[in-house]
Amino acid sequence: MQKTYRRSVRAGFALSMLIGVIVGRRIVQVPALVGEDREALIRMLAPALQTILTTRTAPHAGGRQAITSTPVRS
């Protein structure tokens, strides 16, 4: 159950990032996003999305979660 929760939270973060970029580029028309080449945006965003989707969270002092660089195994 906890692994499913973490996966769904990571997927939600990734989706939120993508929606934010789309809204910023198409609706709000943030100049830096509008003026940038689509492929360049993808190259910049892809590593962040990959990190969010493929890293696991580990317990951290104070009840918070810390991201580790250990890939998630299905």
C-alpha atoms as a PDB file:
ATOM      1  CA  MET A   1       0.000   0.000   0.000  1.00  0.00           C
ATOM      2  CA  GLN A   2       2.745   2.465   0.939  1.00  0.00           C
ATOM      3  CA  LYS A   3       4.678   1.801  -2.307  1.00  0.00           C
ATOM      4  CA  THR A   4       1.502   2.428  -4.320  1.00  0.00           C
ATOM      5  CA  TYR A   5       0.975   5.683  -2.425  1.00  0.00           C
ATOM      6  CA  ARG A   6       4.506   6.827  -3.099  1.00  0.00           C
ATOM      7  CA  ARG A   7       4.173   5.956  -6.774  1.00  0.00           C
ATOM      8  CA  SER A   8       0.929   7.881  -7.060  1.00  0.00           C
ATOM      9  CA  VAL A   9       2.418  10.891  -5.258  1.00  0.00           C
ATOM     10  CA  ARG A  10       5.472  10.874  -7.554  1.00  0.00           C
ATOM     11  CA  ALA A  11       3.209  10.578 -10.588  1.00  0.00           C
ATOM     12  CA  GLY A  12       1.110  13.471  -9.275  1.00  0.00           C
ATOM     13  CA  PHE A  13       4.194  15.663  -8.865  1.00  0.00           C
ATOM     14  CA  ALA A  14       5.388  14.836 -12.367  1.00  0.00           C
ATOM     15  CA  LEU A  15       1.963  15.565 -13.839  1.00  0.00           C
ATOM     16  CA  SER A  16       1.769  18.837 -11.910  1.00  0.00           C
ATOM     17  CA  MET A  17       5.124  19.908 -13.324  1.00  0.00           C
ATOM     18  CA  LEU A  18       4.010  19.141 -16.863  1.00  0.00           C
ATOM     19  CA  ILE A  19       0.713  20.971 -16.414  1.00  0.00           C
ATOM     20  CA  GLY A  20       2.589  23.931 -14.941  1.00  0.00           C
ATOM     21  CA  VAL A  21       4.875  24.159 -17.958  1.00  0.00           C
ATOM     22  CA  ILE A  22       1.947  23.874 -20.364  1.00  0.00           C
ATOM     23  CA  VAL A  23      -0.045  26.541 -18.513  1.00  0.00           C
ATOM     24  CA  GLY A  24       2.993  28.791 -18.269  1.00  0.00           C
ATOM     25  CA  ARG A  25       3.820  28.443 -21.944  1.00  0.00           C
ATOM     26  CA  ARG A  26       0.362  28.409 -23.547  1.00  0.00           C
ATOM     27  CA  ILE A  27      -2.031  30.255 -21.219  1.00  0.00           C
ATOM     28  CA  VAL A  28      -0.005  32.633 -19.031  1.00  0.00           C
ATOM     29  CA  GLN A  29       2.620  33.003 -21.777  1.00  0.00           C
ATOM     30  CA  VAL A  30       5.663  33.325 -19.554  1.00  0.00           C
ATOM     31  CA  PRO A  31       8.207  34.922 -21.921  1.00  0.00           C
ATOM     32  CA  ALA A  32      11.045  32.555 -21.000  1.00  0.00           C
ATOM     33  CA  LEU A  33       8.867  29.522 -21.771  1.00  0.00           C
ATOM     34  CA  VAL A  34       7.215  30.933 -24.891  1.00  0.00           C
ATOM     35  CA  GLY A  35      10.549  31.990 -26.376  1.00  0.00           C
ATOM     36  CA  GLU A  36      12.288  28.681 -25.746  1.00  0.00           C
ATOM     37  CA  ASP A  37      12.386  25.893 -28.314  1.00  0.00           C
ATOM     38  CA  ARG A  38      10.099  22.967 -27.429  1.00  0.00           C
ATOM     39  CA  GLU A  39      12.928  20.428 -27.703  1.00  0.00           C
ATOM     40  CA  ALA A  40      15.101  22.542 -25.383  1.00  0.00           C
ATOM     41  CA  LEU A  41      12.290  22.617 -22.807  1.00  0.00           C
ATOM     42  CA  ILE A  42      11.977  18.846 -23.043  1.00  0.00           C
ATOM     43  CA  ARG A  43      15.749  18.415 -22.540  1.00  0.00           C
ATOM     44  CA  MET A  44      15.580  20.617 -19.424  1.00  0.00           C
ATOM     45  CA  LEU A  45      12.445  19.065 -17.963  1.00  0.00           C
ATOM     46  CA  ALA A  46      13.161  15.393 -18.693  1.00  0.00           C
ATOM     47  CA  PRO A  47      15.888  14.877 -16.044  1.00  0.00           C
ATOM     48  CA  ALA A  48      13.698  16.426 -13.330  1.00  0.00           C
ATOM     49  CA  LEU A  49      10.747  14.229 -14.277  1.00  0.00           C
ATOM     50  CA  GLN A  50      12.964  11.162 -14.418  1.00  0.00           C
ATOM     51  CA  THR A  51      14.318  11.904 -10.945  1.00  0.00           C
ATOM     52  CA  ILE A  52      10.831  12.360  -9.505  1.00  0.00           C
ATOM     53  CA  LEU A  53       9.542   9.175 -11.100  1.00  0.00           C
ATOM     54  CA  THR A  54      12.513   6.905 -10.394  1.00  0.00           C
ATOM     55  CA  THR A  55      13.757   7.778  -6.901  1.00  0.00           C
ATOM     56  CA  ARG A  56      12.393   6.451  -3.676  1.00  0.00           C
ATOM     57  CA  THR A  57      11.770   8.423  -0.527  1.00  0.00           C
ATOM     58  CA  ALA A  58      13.468   7.561   2.731  1.00  0.00           C
ATOM     59  CA  PRO A  59      12.544   8.477   6.290  1.00  0.00           C
ATOM     60  CA  HIS A  60      14.183  11.661   7.518  1.00  0.00           C
ATOM     61  CA  ALA A  61      14.488  13.141  10.997  1.00  0.00           C
ATOM     62  CA  GLY A  62      11.463  15.112  12.073  1.00  0.00           C
ATOM     63  CA  GLY A  63       8.990  12.892  10.235  1.00  0.00           C
ATOM     64  CA  ARG A  64       9.798  14.378   6.829  1.00  0.00           C
ATOM     65  CA  GLN A  65      10.731  12.437   3.727  1.00  0.00           C
ATOM     66  CA  ALA A  66      14.096  12.804   1.986  1.00  0.00           C
ATOM     67  CA  ILE A  67      14.711  11.823  -1.626  1.00  0.00           C
ATOM     68  CA  THR A  68      17.531   9.364  -2.160  1.00  0.00           C
ATOM     69  CA  SER A  69      19.304   8.537  -5.362  1.00  0.00           C
ATOM     70  CA  THR A  70      18.364   4.867  -5.115  1.00  0.00           C
ATOM     71  CA  PRO A  71      16.260   3.907  -8.159  1.00  0.00           C
ATOM     72  CA  VAL A  72      12.855   2.399  -7.495  1.00  0.00           C
ATOM     73  CA  ARG A  73      12.554  -1.251  -8.471  1.00  0.00           C
ATOM     74  CA  SER A  74       9.111  -2.459  -9.510  1.00  0.00           C
END
